[in-house]
Amino acid sequence: FGFDCDDPLAGVAPGTRRGELCTHFMGCFTCPNAIIAPDPATVARLLQARDHLRGAATTLHPARWQAFYAPQLRILEEDILPRFGMRELAAGQLLVARLPALPDLR
C-alpha cells in the first residue's frame, strides 16, 4: 500500500524475534519499521489503498471487514494520511488514476 519495511528481520513487531521474518511483513500500518516516503507516488498509493478499503466495506462480509480491514482503514485515515500536508495529498491524488488497480480484497 505504498511503503516498505526498514528491516523485516528486526523482531520489532509483537510476537516476532530478531532474525525471523515478521509475521506482519508488508501488512501492518502501525509497525515502527514502516518507511512511508512523502513523495507523490507513495501518497497516491496510500490514497488508492484508502479508497480500495472503503470500497471493500460495501462488498465483504461485515464480520470479515471489521476483523481484517476496518483497523487498517482507521490507521490510514486517522494516523498516516493526516501526517501529510494539503499539497502532498493533492499531488498524490493527481496520480491515483494512473496507478494499476489493486487486487480484490477477500
PDB file of N, CA and C in Angstrom:
ATOM      1  N   PHE A   1       0.814  -1.211   0.000  1.00  0.00           N
ATOM      2  CA  PHE A   1       0.000   0.000   0.000  1.00  0.00           C
ATOM      3  C   PHE A   1       0.846   1.259   0.000  1.00  0.00           C
ATOM      4  N   GLY A   2       2.066   1.191  -0.412  1.00  0.00           N
ATOM      5  CA  GLY A   2       2.830   2.410  -0.575  1.00  0.00           C
ATOM      6  C   GLY A   2       3.984   2.607   0.380  1.00  0.00           C
ATOM      7  N   PHE A   3       4.365   1.603   1.128  1.00  0.00           N
ATOM      8  CA  PHE A   3       5.531   1.767   1.978  1.00  0.00           C
ATOM      9  C   PHE A   3       6.271   0.460   2.121  1.00  0.00           C
ATOM     10  N   ASP A   4       7.488   0.552   2.614  1.00  0.00           N
ATOM     11  CA  ASP A   4       8.342  -0.616   2.800  1.00  0.00           C
ATOM     12  C   ASP A   4       8.732  -0.748   4.264  1.00  0.00           C
ATOM     13  N   CYS A   5       9.268  -1.892   4.597  1.00  0.00           N
ATOM     14  CA  CYS A   5       9.765  -2.144   5.940  1.00  0.00           C
ATOM     15  C   CYS A   5      11.266  -1.880   5.952  1.00  0.00           C
ATOM     16  N   ASP A   6      11.740  -1.219   6.991  1.00  0.00           N
ATOM     17  CA  ASP A   6      13.155  -0.925   7.135  1.00  0.00           C
ATOM     18  C   ASP A   6      13.958  -2.209   7.340  1.00  0.00           C
ATOM     19  N   ASP A   7      13.440  -3.131   8.145  1.00  0.00           N
ATOM     20  CA  ASP A   7      14.134  -4.390   8.412  1.00  0.00           C
ATOM     21  C   ASP A   7      13.132  -5.440   8.880  1.00  0.00           C
ATOM     22  N   PRO A   8      12.598  -6.266   7.973  1.00  0.00           N
ATOM     23  CA  PRO A   8      11.581  -7.256   8.357  1.00  0.00           C
ATOM     24  C   PRO A   8      12.119  -8.379   9.242  1.00  0.00           C
ATOM     25  N   LEU A   9      13.416  -8.381   9.493  1.00  0.00           N
ATOM     26  CA  LEU A   9      14.017  -9.401  10.357  1.00  0.00           C
ATOM     27  C   LEU A   9      14.424  -8.833  11.716  1.00  0.00           C
ATOM     28  N   ALA A  10      14.011  -7.606  12.014  1.00  0.00           N
ATOM     29  CA  ALA A  10      14.440  -6.927  13.236  1.00  0.00           C
ATOM     30  C   ALA A  10      13.763  -7.441  14.496  1.00  0.00           C
ATOM     31  N   GLY A  11      12.627  -8.089  14.368  1.00  0.00           N
ATOM     32  CA  GLY A  11      11.919  -8.575  15.546  1.00  0.00           C
ATOM     33  C   GLY A  11      11.219  -7.476  16.318  1.00  0.00           C
ATOM     34  N   VAL A  12      10.768  -6.442  15.623  1.00  0.00           N
ATOM     35  CA  VAL A  12      10.138  -5.288  16.266  1.00  0.00           C
ATOM     36  C   VAL A  12       8.669  -5.531  16.593  1.00  0.00           C
ATOM     37  N   ALA A  13       7.947  -6.156  15.706  1.00  0.00           N
ATOM     38  CA  ALA A  13       6.505  -6.366  15.900  1.00  0.00           C
ATOM     39  C   ALA A  13       6.253  -7.352  17.037  1.00  0.00           C
ATOM     40  N   PRO A  14       5.137  -7.170  17.748  1.00  0.00           N
ATOM     41  CA  PRO A  14       4.801  -8.104  18.830  1.00  0.00           C
ATOM     42  C   PRO A  14       4.743  -9.551  18.328  1.00  0.00           C
ATOM     43  N   GLY A  15       5.347 -10.454  19.079  1.00  0.00           N
ATOM     44  CA  GLY A  15       5.317 -11.866  18.722  1.00  0.00           C
ATOM     45  C   GLY A  15       6.399 -12.301  17.754  1.00  0.00           C
ATOM     46  N   THR A  16       7.299 -11.386  17.364  1.00  0.00           N
ATOM     47  CA  THR A  16       8.374 -11.766  16.446  1.00  0.00           C
ATOM     48  C   THR A  16       9.717 -11.695  17.166  1.00  0.00           C
ATOM     49  N   ARG A  17      10.686 -12.422  16.614  1.00  0.00           N
ATOM     50  CA  ARG A  17      12.034 -12.431  17.184  1.00  0.00           C
ATOM     51  C   ARG A  17      13.042 -12.001  16.134  1.00  0.00           C
ATOM     52  N   ARG A  18      14.095 -11.356  16.588  1.00  0.00           N
ATOM     53  CA  ARG A  18      15.165 -10.917  15.696  1.00  0.00           C
ATOM     54  C   ARG A  18      15.658 -12.113  14.880  1.00  0.00           C
ATOM     55  N   GLY A  19      15.807 -11.887  13.570  1.00  0.00           N
ATOM     56  CA  GLY A  19      16.295 -12.930  12.681  1.00  0.00           C
ATOM     57  C   GLY A  19      15.202 -13.720  11.983  1.00  0.00           C
ATOM     58  N   GLU A  20      13.944 -13.590  12.440  1.00  0.00           N
ATOM     59  CA  GLU A  20      12.814 -14.265  11.801  1.00  0.00           C
ATOM     60  C   GLU A  20      11.989 -13.238  11.041  1.00  0.00           C
ATOM     61  N   LEU A  21      11.472 -13.639   9.885  1.00  0.00           N
ATOM     62  CA  LEU A  21      10.650 -12.731   9.097  1.00  0.00           C
ATOM     63  C   LEU A  21       9.408 -12.338   9.887  1.00  0.00           C
ATOM     64  N   CYS A  22       9.143 -11.067   9.936  1.00  0.00           N
ATOM     65  CA  CYS A  22       7.993 -10.542  10.671  1.00  0.00           C
ATOM     66  C   CYS A  22       6.699 -11.175  10.159  1.00  0.00           C
ATOM     67  N   THR A  23       5.858 -11.566  11.074  1.00  0.00           N
ATOM     68  CA  THR A  23       4.590 -12.183  10.694  1.00  0.00           C
ATOM     69  C   THR A  23       3.625 -11.159  10.092  1.00  0.00           C
ATOM     70  N   HIS A  24       3.912  -9.885  10.255  1.00  0.00           N
ATOM     71  CA  HIS A  24       3.081  -8.818   9.684  1.00  0.00           C
ATOM     72  C   HIS A  24       3.754  -8.167   8.483  1.00  0.00           C
ATOM     73  N   PHE A  25       4.797  -8.781   7.951  1.00  0.00           N
ATOM     74  CA  PHE A  25       5.582  -8.166   6.874  1.00  0.00           C
ATOM     75  C   PHE A  25       4.690  -7.659   5.748  1.00  0.00           C
ATOM     76  N   MET A  26       4.824  -6.396   5.450  1.00  0.00           N
ATOM     77  CA  MET A  26       4.097  -5.679   4.395  1.00  0.00           C
ATOM     78  C   MET A  26       2.595  -5.620   4.667  1.00  0.00           C
ATOM     79  N   GLY A  27       2.169  -5.793   5.880  1.00  0.00           N
ATOM     80  CA  GLY A  27       0.750  -5.755   6.156  1.00  0.00           C
ATOM     81  C   GLY A  27       0.360  -4.943   7.373  1.00  0.00           C
ATOM     82  N   CYS A  28       1.309  -4.366   8.066  1.00  0.00           N
ATOM     83  CA  CYS A  28       0.958  -3.679   9.300  1.00  0.00           C
ATOM     84  C   CYS A  28       1.292  -2.194   9.209  1.00  0.00           C
ATOM     85  N   PHE A  29       0.268  -1.369   9.127  1.00  0.00           N
ATOM     86  CA  PHE A  29       0.470   0.070   9.033  1.00  0.00           C
ATOM     87  C   PHE A  29       1.025   0.668  10.320  1.00  0.00           C
ATOM     88  N   THR A  30       0.952  -0.047  11.411  1.00  0.00           N
ATOM     89  CA  THR A  30       1.389   0.505  12.687  1.00  0.00           C
ATOM     90  C   THR A  30       2.819   0.130  13.050  1.00  0.00           C
ATOM     91  N   CYS A  31       3.478  -0.653  12.239  1.00  0.00           N
ATOM     92  CA  CYS A  31       4.829  -1.098  12.550  1.00  0.00           C
ATOM     93  C   CYS A  31       5.785   0.083  12.635  1.00  0.00           C
ATOM     94  N   PRO A  32       6.595   0.149  13.690  1.00  0.00           N
ATOM     95  CA  PRO A  32       7.557   1.245  13.796  1.00  0.00           C
ATOM     96  C   PRO A  32       8.660   1.166  12.744  1.00  0.00           C
ATOM     97  N   ASN A  33       8.796   0.050  12.053  1.00  0.00           N
ATOM     98  CA  ASN A  33       9.786  -0.069  10.986  1.00  0.00           C
ATOM     99  C   ASN A  33       9.238   0.355   9.621  1.00  0.00           C
ATOM    100  N   ALA A  34       7.975   0.719   9.540  1.00  0.00           N
ATOM    101  CA  ALA A  34       7.406   1.130   8.257  1.00  0.00           C
ATOM    102  C   ALA A  34       8.043   2.437   7.801  1.00  0.00           C
ATOM    103  N   ILE A  35       8.431   2.470   6.557  1.00  0.00           N
ATOM    104  CA  ILE A  35       9.015   3.666   5.962  1.00  0.00           C
ATOM    105  C   ILE A  35       7.995   4.211   4.974  1.00  0.00           C
ATOM    106  N   ILE A  36       7.488   5.386   5.253  1.00  0.00           N
ATOM    107  CA  ILE A  36       6.478   6.000   4.395  1.00  0.00           C
ATOM    108  C   ILE A  36       7.043   7.308   3.862  1.00  0.00           C
ATOM    109  N   ALA A  37       7.454   7.299   2.615  1.00  0.00           N
ATOM    110  CA  ALA A  37       8.056   8.482   1.997  1.00  0.00           C
ATOM    111  C   ALA A  37       6.981   9.506   1.641  1.00  0.00           C
ATOM    112  N   PRO A  38       7.301  10.788   1.746  1.00  0.00           N
ATOM    113  CA  PRO A  38       6.313  11.827   1.442  1.00  0.00           C
ATOM    114  C   PRO A  38       6.235  12.197  -0.043  1.00  0.00           C
ATOM    115  N   ASP A  39       6.739  11.353  -0.922  1.00  0.00           N
ATOM    116  CA  ASP A  39       6.702  11.672  -2.349  1.00  0.00           C
ATOM    117  C   ASP A  39       5.311  11.420  -2.929  1.00  0.00           C
ATOM    118  N   PRO A  40       4.962  12.085  -4.033  1.00  0.00           N
ATOM    119  CA  PRO A  40       3.619  11.954  -4.608  1.00  0.00           C
ATOM    120  C   PRO A  40       3.229  10.521  -4.961  1.00  0.00           C
ATOM    121  N   ALA A  41       4.158   9.712  -5.431  1.00  0.00           N
ATOM    122  CA  ALA A  41       3.822   8.333  -5.803  1.00  0.00           C
ATOM    123  C   ALA A  41       3.404   7.514  -4.576  1.00  0.00           C
ATOM    124  N   THR A  42       4.085   7.696  -3.470  1.00  0.00           N
ATOM    125  CA  THR A  42       3.733   6.980  -2.246  1.00  0.00           C
ATOM    126  C   THR A  42       2.401   7.461  -1.706  1.00  0.00           C
ATOM    127  N   VAL A  43       2.207   8.768  -1.695  1.00  0.00           N
ATOM    128  CA  VAL A  43       0.930   9.331  -1.222  1.00  0.00           C
ATOM    129  C   VAL A  43      -0.208   8.829  -2.102  1.00  0.00           C
ATOM    130  N   ALA A  44       0.019   8.764  -3.407  1.00  0.00           N
ATOM    131  CA  ALA A  44      -1.008   8.260  -4.329  1.00  0.00           C
ATOM    132  C   ALA A  44      -1.385   6.826  -3.983  1.00  0.00           C
ATOM    133  N   ARG A  45      -0.398   5.998  -3.691  1.00  0.00           N
ATOM    134  CA  ARG A  45      -0.664   4.605  -3.364  1.00  0.00           C
ATOM    135  C   ARG A  45      -1.440   4.498  -2.054  1.00  0.00           C
ATOM    136  N   LEU A  46      -1.118   5.351  -1.089  1.00  0.00           N
ATOM    137  CA  LEU A  46      -1.857   5.351   0.175  1.00  0.00           C
ATOM    138  C   LEU A  46      -3.302   5.793  -0.026  1.00  0.00           C
ATOM    139  N   LEU A  47      -3.505   6.812  -0.857  1.00  0.00           N
ATOM    140  CA  LEU A  47      -4.868   7.263  -1.155  1.00  0.00           C
ATOM    141  C   LEU A  47      -5.648   6.172  -1.891  1.00  0.00           C
ATOM    142  N   GLN A  48      -4.971   5.498  -2.813  1.00  0.00           N
ATOM    143  CA  GLN A  48      -5.611   4.401  -3.527  1.00  0.00           C
ATOM    144  C   GLN A  48      -5.991   3.289  -2.558  1.00  0.00           C
ATOM    145  N   ALA A  49      -5.106   2.980  -1.633  1.00  0.00           N
ATOM    146  CA  ALA A  49      -5.389   1.949  -0.631  1.00  0.00           C
ATOM    147  C   ALA A  49      -6.592   2.336   0.217  1.00  0.00           C
ATOM    148  N   ARG A  50      -6.658   3.596   0.633  1.00  0.00           N
ATOM    149  CA  ARG A  50      -7.799   4.068   1.416  1.00  0.00           C
ATOM    150  C   ARG A  50      -9.104   3.871   0.645  1.00  0.00           C
ATOM    151  N   ASP A  51      -9.111   4.301  -0.607  1.00  0.00           N
ATOM    152  CA  ASP A  51     -10.312   4.162  -1.426  1.00  0.00           C
ATOM    153  C   ASP A  51     -10.670   2.700  -1.649  1.00  0.00           C
ATOM    154  N   HIS A  52      -9.654   1.870  -1.821  1.00  0.00           N
ATOM    155  CA  HIS A  52      -9.873   0.436  -2.040  1.00  0.00           C
ATOM    156  C   HIS A  52     -10.483  -0.214  -0.793  1.00  0.00           C
ATOM    157  N   LEU A  53      -9.961   0.158   0.361  1.00  0.00           N
ATOM    158  CA  LEU A  53     -10.507  -0.374   1.611  1.00  0.00           C
ATOM    159  C   LEU A  53     -11.937   0.102   1.838  1.00  0.00           C
ATOM    160  N   ARG A  54     -12.208   1.349   1.528  1.00  0.00           N
ATOM    161  CA  ARG A  54     -13.575   1.860   1.666  1.00  0.00           C
ATOM    162  C   ARG A  54     -14.531   1.094   0.752  1.00  0.00           C
ATOM    163  N   GLY A  55     -14.103   0.850  -0.472  1.00  0.00           N
ATOM    164  CA  GLY A  55     -14.937   0.104  -1.407  1.00  0.00           C
ATOM    165  C   GLY A  55     -15.186  -1.318  -0.969  1.00  0.00           C
ATOM    166  N   ALA A  56     -14.180  -1.942  -0.372  1.00  0.00           N
ATOM    167  CA  ALA A  56     -14.328  -3.321   0.089  1.00  0.00           C
ATOM    168  C   ALA A  56     -15.353  -3.426   1.209  1.00  0.00           C
ATOM    169  N   ALA A  57     -15.550  -2.358   1.951  1.00  0.00           N
ATOM    170  CA  ALA A  57     -16.525  -2.376   3.050  1.00  0.00           C
ATOM    171  C   ALA A  57     -17.938  -2.638   2.543  1.00  0.00           C
ATOM    172  N   THR A  58     -18.194  -2.304   1.295  1.00  0.00           N
ATOM    173  CA  THR A  58     -19.532  -2.490   0.734  1.00  0.00           C
ATOM    174  C   THR A  58     -19.735  -3.868   0.122  1.00  0.00           C
ATOM    175  N   THR A  59     -18.640  -4.621  -0.058  1.00  0.00           N
ATOM    176  CA  THR A  59     -18.768  -5.917  -0.727  1.00  0.00           C
ATOM    177  C   THR A  59     -18.408  -7.114   0.148  1.00  0.00           C
ATOM    178  N   LEU A  60     -17.627  -6.904   1.186  1.00  0.00           N
ATOM    179  CA  LEU A  60     -17.200  -8.011   2.039  1.00  0.00           C
ATOM    180  C   LEU A  60     -18.201  -8.279   3.154  1.00  0.00           C
ATOM    181  N   HIS A  61     -18.157  -9.477   3.681  1.00  0.00           N
ATOM    182  CA  HIS A  61     -18.983  -9.818   4.836  1.00  0.00           C
ATOM    183  C   HIS A  61     -18.609  -8.862   5.972  1.00  0.00           C
ATOM    184  N   PRO A  62     -19.591  -8.282   6.651  1.00  0.00           N
ATOM    185  CA  PRO A  62     -19.298  -7.287   7.688  1.00  0.00           C
ATOM    186  C   PRO A  62     -18.334  -7.763   8.780  1.00  0.00           C
ATOM    187  N   ALA A  63     -18.436  -9.010   9.206  1.00  0.00           N
ATOM    188  CA  ALA A  63     -17.535  -9.510  10.252  1.00  0.00           C
ATOM    189  C   ALA A  63     -16.095  -9.578   9.747  1.00  0.00           C
ATOM    190  N   ARG A  64     -15.934 -10.022   8.521  1.00  0.00           N
ATOM    191  CA  ARG A  64     -14.585 -10.084   7.929  1.00  0.00           C
ATOM    192  C   ARG A  64     -14.029  -8.687   7.762  1.00  0.00           C
ATOM    193  N   TRP A  65     -14.860  -7.778   7.271  1.00  0.00           N
ATOM    194  CA  TRP A  65     -14.437  -6.391   7.103  1.00  0.00           C
ATOM    195  C   TRP A  65     -13.940  -5.825   8.441  1.00  0.00           C
ATOM    196  N   GLN A  66     -14.728  -6.004   9.498  1.00  0.00           N
ATOM    197  CA  GLN A  66     -14.362  -5.464  10.808  1.00  0.00           C
ATOM    198  C   GLN A  66     -13.083  -6.095  11.359  1.00  0.00           C
ATOM    199  N   ALA A  67     -12.909  -7.379  11.146  1.00  0.00           N
ATOM    200  CA  ALA A  67     -11.757  -8.083  11.703  1.00  0.00           C
ATOM    201  C   ALA A  67     -10.451  -7.758  10.990  1.00  0.00           C
ATOM    202  N   PHE A  68     -10.494  -7.659   9.656  1.00  0.00           N
ATOM    203  CA  PHE A  68      -9.260  -7.532   8.896  1.00  0.00           C
ATOM    204  C   PHE A  68      -8.985  -6.153   8.326  1.00  0.00           C
ATOM    205  N   TYR A  69      -9.984  -5.503   7.799  1.00  0.00           N
ATOM    206  CA  TYR A  69      -9.735  -4.306   7.013  1.00  0.00           C
ATOM    207  C   TYR A  69     -10.116  -2.992   7.688  1.00  0.00           C
ATOM    208  N   ALA A  70     -11.109  -2.994   8.538  1.00  0.00           N
ATOM    209  CA  ALA A  70     -11.504  -1.761   9.225  1.00  0.00           C
ATOM    210  C   ALA A  70     -10.348  -1.180  10.050  1.00  0.00           C
ATOM    211  N   PRO A  71      -9.583  -2.002  10.776  1.00  0.00           N
ATOM    212  CA  PRO A  71      -8.457  -1.436  11.527  1.00  0.00           C
ATOM    213  C   PRO A  71      -7.409  -0.774  10.619  1.00  0.00           C
ATOM    214  N   GLN A  72      -7.152  -1.371   9.470  1.00  0.00           N
ATOM    215  CA  GLN A  72      -6.182  -0.784   8.541  1.00  0.00           C
ATOM    216  C   GLN A  72      -6.682   0.554   7.997  1.00  0.00           C
ATOM    217  N   LEU A  73      -7.965   0.608   7.681  1.00  0.00           N
ATOM    218  CA  LEU A  73      -8.529   1.863   7.180  1.00  0.00           C
ATOM    219  C   LEU A  73      -8.469   2.941   8.252  1.00  0.00           C
ATOM    220  N   ARG A  74      -8.779   2.587   9.477  1.00  0.00           N
ATOM    221  CA  ARG A  74      -8.710   3.557  10.582  1.00  0.00           C
ATOM    222  C   ARG A  74      -7.299   4.128  10.726  1.00  0.00           C
ATOM    223  N   ILE A  75      -6.312   3.270  10.659  1.00  0.00           N
ATOM    224  CA  ILE A  75      -4.924   3.711  10.783  1.00  0.00           C
ATOM    225  C   ILE A  75      -4.564   4.646   9.633  1.00  0.00           C
ATOM    226  N   LEU A  76      -4.968   4.278   8.428  1.00  0.00           N
ATOM    227  CA  LEU A  76      -4.700   5.134   7.272  1.00  0.00           C
ATOM    228  C   LEU A  76      -5.346   6.503   7.428  1.00  0.00           C
ATOM    229  N   GLU A  77      -6.617   6.511   7.794  1.00  0.00           N
ATOM    230  CA  GLU A  77      -7.367   7.763   7.858  1.00  0.00           C
ATOM    231  C   GLU A  77      -7.057   8.607   9.096  1.00  0.00           C
ATOM    232  N   GLU A  78      -6.737   7.971  10.204  1.00  0.00           N
ATOM    233  CA  GLU A  78      -6.567   8.712  11.445  1.00  0.00           C
ATOM    234  C   GLU A  78      -5.112   8.960  11.833  1.00  0.00           C
ATOM    235  N   ASP A  79      -4.194   8.179  11.278  1.00  0.00           N
ATOM    236  CA  ASP A  79      -2.798   8.323  11.680  1.00  0.00           C
ATOM    237  C   ASP A  79      -1.879   8.677  10.515  1.00  0.00           C
ATOM    238  N   ILE A  80      -1.931   7.911   9.439  1.00  0.00           N
ATOM    239  CA  ILE A  80      -0.948   8.088   8.372  1.00  0.00           C
ATOM    240  C   ILE A  80      -1.271   9.282   7.471  1.00  0.00           C
ATOM    241  N   LEU A  81      -2.441   9.313   6.865  1.00  0.00           N
ATOM    242  CA  LEU A  81      -2.754  10.386   5.921  1.00  0.00           C
ATOM    243  C   LEU A  81      -2.761  11.783   6.554  1.00  0.00           C
ATOM    244  N   PRO A  82      -3.207  11.949   7.799  1.00  0.00           N
ATOM    245  CA  PRO A  82      -3.157  13.284   8.397  1.00  0.00           C
ATOM    246  C   PRO A  82      -1.743  13.844   8.570  1.00  0.00           C
ATOM    247  N   ARG A  83      -0.739  13.018   8.460  1.00  0.00           N
ATOM    248  CA  ARG A  83       0.645  13.490   8.567  1.00  0.00           C
ATOM    249  C   ARG A  83       1.088  14.271   7.333  1.00  0.00           C
ATOM    250  N   PHE A  84       0.372  14.095   6.245  1.00  0.00           N
ATOM    251  CA  PHE A  84       0.728  14.777   5.003  1.00  0.00           C
ATOM    252  C   PHE A  84      -0.018  16.093   4.900  1.00  0.00           C
ATOM    253  N   GLY A  85       0.641  17.072   4.282  1.00  0.00           N
ATOM    254  CA  GLY A  85       0.023  18.370   4.069  1.00  0.00           C
ATOM    255  C   GLY A  85      -0.921  18.344   2.881  1.00  0.00           C
ATOM    256  N   MET A  86      -1.680  19.419   2.733  1.00  0.00           N
ATOM    257  CA  MET A  86      -2.649  19.501   1.637  1.00  0.00           C
ATOM    258  C   MET A  86      -1.962  19.432   0.278  1.00  0.00           C
ATOM    259  N   ARG A  87      -0.792  20.023   0.133  1.00  0.00           N
ATOM    260  CA  ARG A  87      -0.066  19.977  -1.150  1.00  0.00           C
ATOM    261  C   ARG A  87       0.355  18.549  -1.488  1.00  0.00           C
ATOM    262  N   GLU A  88       0.860  17.835  -0.492  1.00  0.00           N
ATOM    263  CA  GLU A  88       1.285  16.449  -0.717  1.00  0.00           C
ATOM    264  C   GLU A  88       0.101  15.570  -1.083  1.00  0.00           C
ATOM    265  N   LEU A  89      -1.015  15.754  -0.390  1.00  0.00           N
ATOM    266  CA  LEU A  89      -2.217  14.967  -0.694  1.00  0.00           C
ATOM    267  C   LEU A  89      -2.755  15.290  -2.078  1.00  0.00           C
ATOM    268  N   ALA A  90      -2.754  16.566  -2.442  1.00  0.00           N
ATOM    269  CA  ALA A  90      -3.243  16.968  -3.770  1.00  0.00           C
ATOM    270  C   ALA A  90      -2.345  16.400  -4.867  1.00  0.00           C
ATOM    271  N   ALA A  91      -1.039  16.460  -4.678  1.00  0.00           N
ATOM    272  CA  ALA A  91      -0.105  15.914  -5.670  1.00  0.00           C
ATOM    273  C   ALA A  91      -0.300  14.406  -5.814  1.00  0.00           C
ATOM    274  N   GLY A  92      -0.513  13.731  -4.707  1.00  0.00           N
ATOM    275  CA  GLY A  92      -0.755  12.290  -4.750  1.00  0.00           C
ATOM    276  C   GLY A  92      -2.070  11.967  -5.428  1.00  0.00           C
ATOM    277  N   GLN A  93      -3.105  12.744  -5.135  1.00  0.00           N
ATOM    278  CA  GLN A  93      -4.426  12.494  -5.719  1.00  0.00           C
ATOM    279  C   GLN A  93      -4.386  12.573  -7.242  1.00  0.00           C
ATOM    280  N   LEU A  94      -3.556  13.446  -7.779  1.00  0.00           N
ATOM    281  CA  LEU A  94      -3.439  13.568  -9.232  1.00  0.00           C
ATOM    282  C   LEU A  94      -2.909  12.285  -9.881  1.00  0.00           C
ATOM    283  N   LEU A  95      -2.182  11.496  -9.130  1.00  0.00           N
ATOM    284  CA  LEU A  95      -1.576  10.279  -9.680  1.00  0.00           C
ATOM    285  C   LEU A  95      -2.404   9.022  -9.471  1.00  0.00           C
ATOM    286  N   VAL A  96      -3.398   9.077  -8.615  1.00  0.00           N
ATOM    287  CA  VAL A  96      -4.160   7.869  -8.267  1.00  0.00           C
ATOM    288  C   VAL A  96      -4.753   7.189  -9.494  1.00  0.00           C
ATOM    289  N   ALA A  97      -5.325   7.946 -10.403  1.00  0.00           N
ATOM    290  CA  ALA A  97      -5.977   7.358 -11.585  1.00  0.00           C
ATOM    291  C   ALA A  97      -4.988   6.629 -12.486  1.00  0.00           C
ATOM    292  N   ARG A  98      -3.718   6.940 -12.391  1.00  0.00           N
ATOM    293  CA  ARG A  98      -2.700   6.316 -13.247  1.00  0.00           C
ATOM    294  C   ARG A  98      -2.138   5.024 -12.665  1.00  0.00           C
ATOM    295  N   LEU A  99      -2.467   4.729 -11.420  1.00  0.00           N
ATOM    296  CA  LEU A  99      -1.928   3.529 -10.779  1.00  0.00           C
ATOM    297  C   LEU A  99      -2.637   2.270 -11.275  1.00  0.00           C
ATOM    298  N   PRO A 100      -1.920   1.155 -11.322  1.00  0.00           N
ATOM    299  CA  PRO A 100      -2.597  -0.100 -11.656  1.00  0.00           C
ATOM    300  C   PRO A 100      -3.594  -0.451 -10.551  1.00  0.00           C
ATOM    301  N   ALA A 101      -4.656  -1.115 -10.926  1.00  0.00           N
ATOM    302  CA  ALA A 101      -5.684  -1.489  -9.968  1.00  0.00           C
ATOM    303  C   ALA A 101      -5.140  -2.439  -8.913  1.00  0.00           C
ATOM    304  N   LEU A 102      -5.651  -2.326  -7.718  1.00  0.00           N
ATOM    305  CA  LEU A 102      -5.279  -3.240  -6.644  1.00  0.00           C
ATOM    306  C   LEU A 102      -6.143  -4.506  -6.741  1.00  0.00           C
ATOM    307  N   PRO A 103      -5.637  -5.623  -6.287  1.00  0.00           N
ATOM    308  CA  PRO A 103      -6.438  -6.853  -6.337  1.00  0.00           C
ATOM    309  C   PRO A 103      -7.627  -6.757  -5.384  1.00  0.00           C
ATOM    310  N   ASP A 104      -8.677  -7.487  -5.705  1.00  0.00           N
ATOM    311  CA  ASP A 104      -9.844  -7.505  -4.843  1.00  0.00           C
ATOM    312  C   ASP A 104      -9.479  -8.026  -3.463  1.00  0.00           C
ATOM    313  N   LEU A 105     -10.075  -7.444  -2.455  1.00  0.00           N
ATOM    314  CA  LEU A 105      -9.887  -7.926  -1.088  1.00  0.00           C
ATOM    315  C   LEU A 105     -10.901  -9.006  -0.815  1.00  0.00           C
ATOM    316  N   ARG A 106     -10.504 -10.000  -0.076  1.00  0.00           N
ATOM    317  CA  ARG A 106     -11.390 -11.127   0.209  1.00  0.00           C
ATOM    318  C   ARG A 106     -11.558 -11.312   1.673  1.00  0.00           C
TER     319      ARG A 106
END
